[in-house]
Amino acid sequence: MLEWLAPSFLYTLARDGTKYLLGRGRRLSGTQVIALRHKWKPLFEAEIWKCHQEALRRDVIIRDMRRIDNYPGAKEQKGISPWFRAGLVGTYFRGILIGLGWGTLTQGPDGEWRYTNSKAGEKGDQRVILIGRVRYEDIEEVEWNGDEFYNYPHIYCFFSHKKEPYEDIGFYTETKPSHGSLPFYTLLAAYEPVHRRSREHGLKYFG
């Protein structure tokens, strides 16, 4: 079971929940965007495949380029931390998929999804992973071997989407092919509608 986020970070994620909306990124030309996608795509795909083949941990450290000196210590602050541990779970057509935590969702009579109320004894209807999509053009550099504090890849990103690195966030199902191929992830629901509906039911936390 993959568990990367502490409850405090999930609280921050929920509290500041406009994450799925696009913000303004760096001002790059079309040529620069294409070059960055061509640069990073094969490198991340190779890293993910290696971890899959060798059954290695998929942890990474996501770091904010504009706050790189706020590491490894960081002052208490509102909003997303300048660095945090997550999971590199896959790629999509223009970036990487960052796993932020596992949990379950419950489907209401209207067919809409919300957080599972485990305190009330609910078991949940669908196991999901919360995933943030990070574009290749928002990645500046990667230290693949990590450092003396965390020997996972450090991914330096511009937090340019509502002061976060993700162009959007959603709840995904995971499918593991039986023939040893990489797992793939299918969007079940966007983050914000599920979070809003959960708050209406008095549920603040996903997990």
Protein backbone atom coordinates (compact mmCIF):
# COMPACT_ATOMS: atom_id res chain seq x y z
CA MET A 1 0.00 0.00 0.00
CA LEU A 2 1.41 3.38 -0.98
CA GLU A 3 1.15 6.06 1.67
CA TRP A 4 3.12 9.23 1.13
CA LEU A 5 1.22 12.05 2.75
CA ALA A 6 0.80 12.88 6.40
CA PRO A 7 -2.72 13.87 7.50
CA SER A 8 -1.50 17.46 7.98
CA PHE A 9 -0.65 17.75 4.28
CA LEU A 10 -3.93 16.20 3.24
CA TYR A 11 -5.62 18.81 5.41
CA THR A 12 -3.69 21.56 3.62
CA LEU A 13 -4.63 20.05 0.27
CA ALA A 14 -8.29 19.99 1.21
CA ARG A 15 -8.32 23.43 2.80
CA ASP A 16 -6.84 25.12 -0.22
CA GLY A 17 -8.91 23.09 -2.67
CA THR A 18 -8.96 24.91 -5.97
CA LYS A 19 -6.14 22.73 -7.20
CA TYR A 20 -7.64 21.28 -10.30
CA LEU A 21 -7.93 24.68 -11.98
CA LEU A 22 -5.19 25.73 -14.35
CA GLY A 23 -2.96 28.60 -13.40
CA ARG A 24 -0.39 30.49 -15.38
CA GLY A 25 2.89 28.70 -15.88
CA ARG A 26 6.24 29.94 -17.05
CA ARG A 27 6.26 31.95 -20.24
CA LEU A 28 7.73 29.48 -22.69
CA SER A 29 7.60 29.38 -26.44
CA GLY A 30 6.04 26.42 -28.20
CA THR A 31 9.52 25.27 -29.20
CA GLN A 32 10.71 25.36 -25.59
CA VAL A 33 7.69 23.39 -24.42
CA ILE A 34 8.28 20.70 -27.04
CA ALA A 35 11.99 20.52 -26.16
CA LEU A 36 11.21 20.02 -22.46
CA ARG A 37 8.67 17.33 -23.20
CA HIS A 38 11.15 15.52 -25.43
CA LYS A 39 13.82 15.87 -22.74
CA TRP A 40 11.89 14.61 -19.73
CA LYS A 41 9.50 12.02 -21.19
CA PRO A 42 12.06 9.23 -21.88
CA LEU A 43 13.90 9.88 -18.61
CA PHE A 44 10.81 9.56 -16.44
CA GLU A 45 9.51 6.59 -18.39
CA ALA A 46 12.85 4.83 -17.88
CA GLU A 47 12.80 5.58 -14.14
CA ILE A 48 9.24 4.30 -13.73
CA TRP A 49 10.00 1.14 -15.69
CA LYS A 50 13.14 0.47 -13.64
CA CYS A 51 11.22 0.81 -10.38
CA HIS A 52 8.53 -1.49 -11.71
CA GLN A 53 10.95 -4.16 -12.96
CA GLU A 54 13.08 -4.12 -9.80
CA ALA A 55 10.16 -3.68 -7.37
CA LEU A 56 11.72 -0.46 -6.02
CA ARG A 57 9.96 2.23 -4.04
CA ARG A 58 8.45 4.96 -6.18
CA ASP A 59 8.98 7.79 -3.71
CA VAL A 60 10.09 11.19 -4.95
CA ILE A 61 10.62 14.58 -3.34
CA ILE A 62 8.76 17.42 -5.03
CA ARG A 63 10.51 20.78 -4.51
CA ASP A 64 9.45 24.31 -5.35
CA MET A 65 12.05 26.07 -7.52
CA ARG A 66 11.22 29.44 -5.98
CA ARG A 67 11.73 28.14 -2.44
CA ILE A 68 14.64 25.75 -2.87
CA ASP A 69 16.39 27.05 0.25
CA ASN A 70 13.41 26.07 2.42
CA TYR A 71 14.82 22.55 2.63
CA PRO A 72 15.20 20.38 4.59
CA GLY A 73 13.67 22.63 7.25
CA ALA A 74 10.59 24.68 6.46
CA LYS A 75 8.72 27.19 8.58
CA GLU A 76 5.04 26.70 9.33
CA GLN A 77 3.06 28.44 6.60
CA LYS A 78 -0.26 28.52 4.83
CA GLY A 79 -0.64 26.68 1.57
CA ILE A 80 1.43 23.91 0.11
CA SER A 81 4.83 23.07 1.57
CA PRO A 82 7.96 24.08 -0.43
CA TRP A 83 8.85 20.37 -0.53
CA PHE A 84 7.09 17.11 0.18
CA ARG A 85 7.34 13.38 -0.47
CA ALA A 86 4.99 11.78 -2.96
CA GLY A 87 4.94 8.88 -5.41
CA LEU A 88 5.96 8.81 -9.07
CA VAL A 89 3.26 6.49 -10.38
CA GLY A 90 3.19 7.10 -14.12
CA THR A 91 3.21 9.51 -17.04
CA TYR A 92 0.60 11.05 -19.28
CA PHE A 93 0.84 12.72 -22.67
CA ARG A 94 2.44 15.91 -21.35
CA GLY A 95 3.79 15.14 -17.91
CA ILE A 96 4.10 12.89 -14.88
CA LEU A 97 1.53 11.47 -12.48
CA ILE A 98 2.26 12.19 -8.83
CA GLY A 99 0.52 9.97 -6.28
CA LEU A 100 -0.62 11.90 -3.22
CA GLY A 101 -2.31 9.17 -1.22
CA TRP A 102 -4.64 6.18 -1.28
CA GLY A 103 -8.14 5.88 0.11
CA THR A 104 -11.72 5.05 -0.80
CA LEU A 105 -14.68 6.98 -2.14
CA THR A 106 -18.36 6.31 -1.53
CA GLN A 107 -21.01 6.79 -4.20
CA GLY A 108 -24.25 8.46 -3.17
CA PRO A 109 -27.78 7.67 -4.43
CA ASP A 110 -27.33 10.40 -7.03
CA GLY A 111 -24.28 8.62 -8.43
CA GLU A 112 -21.88 11.32 -7.21
CA TRP A 113 -18.72 10.53 -5.24
CA ARG A 114 -17.64 11.71 -1.79
CA TYR A 115 -15.11 10.70 0.87
CA THR A 116 -15.87 7.53 2.77
CA ASN A 117 -17.12 8.06 6.33
CA SER A 118 -15.02 5.38 8.01
CA LYS A 119 -16.01 6.61 11.48
CA ALA A 120 -19.59 5.70 10.65
CA GLY A 121 -18.50 2.22 9.55
CA GLU A 122 -18.55 2.81 5.79
CA LYS A 123 -16.19 0.57 3.84
CA GLY A 124 -16.17 2.63 0.66
CA ASP A 125 -17.29 1.70 -2.82
CA GLN A 126 -14.11 2.36 -4.78
CA ARG A 127 -10.44 2.29 -3.82
CA VAL A 128 -8.67 5.22 -5.48
CA ILE A 129 -5.43 7.11 -5.54
CA LEU A 130 -5.33 10.90 -5.47
CA ILE A 131 -3.09 12.00 -8.35
CA GLY A 132 -1.69 15.37 -9.35
CA ARG A 133 -0.61 15.86 -12.96
CA VAL A 134 2.66 17.79 -13.37
CA ARG A 135 3.58 19.03 -16.84
CA TYR A 136 7.08 18.39 -18.18
CA GLU A 137 7.49 22.10 -18.90
CA ASP A 138 7.00 22.88 -15.20
CA ILE A 139 9.99 20.70 -14.28
CA GLU A 140 13.32 22.49 -14.13
CA GLU A 141 15.72 19.81 -12.90
CA VAL A 142 15.87 16.33 -11.32
CA GLU A 143 18.43 14.92 -8.91
CA TRP A 144 17.82 11.25 -9.65
CA ASN A 145 19.85 9.88 -6.72
CA GLY A 146 18.54 12.30 -4.12
CA ASP A 147 20.75 13.68 -1.36
CA GLU A 148 21.99 12.94 2.16
CA PHE A 149 18.50 13.47 3.60
CA TYR A 150 16.34 11.57 1.12
CA ASN A 151 17.84 9.21 -1.44
CA TYR A 152 14.80 9.44 -3.70
CA PRO A 153 14.70 11.52 -6.90
CA HIS A 154 14.25 15.23 -6.17
CA ILE A 155 12.02 16.85 -8.78
CA TYR A 156 12.40 20.64 -8.92
CA CYS A 157 9.21 22.22 -10.22
CA PHE A 158 7.71 25.64 -10.76
CA PHE A 159 4.61 25.82 -8.57
CA SER A 160 2.86 27.90 -11.20
CA HIS A 161 -0.72 26.59 -10.97
CA LYS A 162 -2.41 28.40 -8.10
CA LYS A 163 0.98 28.19 -6.35
CA GLU A 164 1.07 24.41 -6.81
CA PRO A 165 2.92 22.15 -9.26
CA TYR A 166 -0.19 20.36 -10.58
CA GLU A 167 -2.18 21.39 -13.62
CA ASP A 168 -5.03 19.38 -12.12
CA ILE A 169 -5.79 16.86 -9.38
CA GLY A 170 -8.21 13.95 -9.43
CA PHE A 171 -9.14 10.58 -8.03
CA TYR A 172 -7.99 7.66 -10.17
CA THR A 173 -8.51 3.92 -10.20
CA GLU A 174 -5.49 1.68 -10.69
CA THR A 175 -5.46 -1.30 -13.04
CA LYS A 176 -2.64 -3.84 -12.84
CA PRO A 177 -2.29 -5.91 -16.02
CA SER A 178 -1.73 -9.61 -15.39
CA HIS A 179 1.15 -9.89 -17.86
CA GLY A 180 3.62 -7.73 -15.95
CA SER A 181 3.09 -4.44 -17.76
CA LEU A 182 2.99 -1.15 -15.92
CA PRO A 183 -0.18 -0.32 -13.97
CA PHE A 184 -2.34 2.33 -15.57
CA TYR A 185 -4.61 4.91 -14.01
CA THR A 186 -8.09 6.01 -15.04
CA LEU A 187 -9.72 9.22 -13.84
CA LEU A 188 -12.82 8.55 -11.74
CA ALA A 189 -13.60 12.07 -10.52
CA ALA A 190 -12.01 15.51 -10.29
CA TYR A 191 -10.80 16.56 -6.85
CA GLU A 192 -12.75 19.75 -6.26
CA PRO A 193 -16.35 18.47 -6.78
CA VAL A 194 -15.66 15.45 -4.57
CA HIS A 195 -14.11 17.59 -1.86
CA ARG A 196 -16.98 20.08 -1.95
CA ARG A 197 -19.59 17.33 -1.75
CA SER A 198 -17.71 15.68 1.10
CA ARG A 199 -17.69 18.92 3.07
CA GLU A 200 -21.46 19.10 2.67
CA HIS A 201 -21.59 15.72 4.43
CA GLY A 202 -19.28 16.94 7.20
CA LEU A 203 -16.28 15.00 5.86
CA LYS A 204 -13.00 16.89 5.69
CA TYR A 205 -10.37 14.25 5.04
CA PHE A 206 -9.67 11.78 2.26
CA GLY A 207 -7.84 8.61 3.16
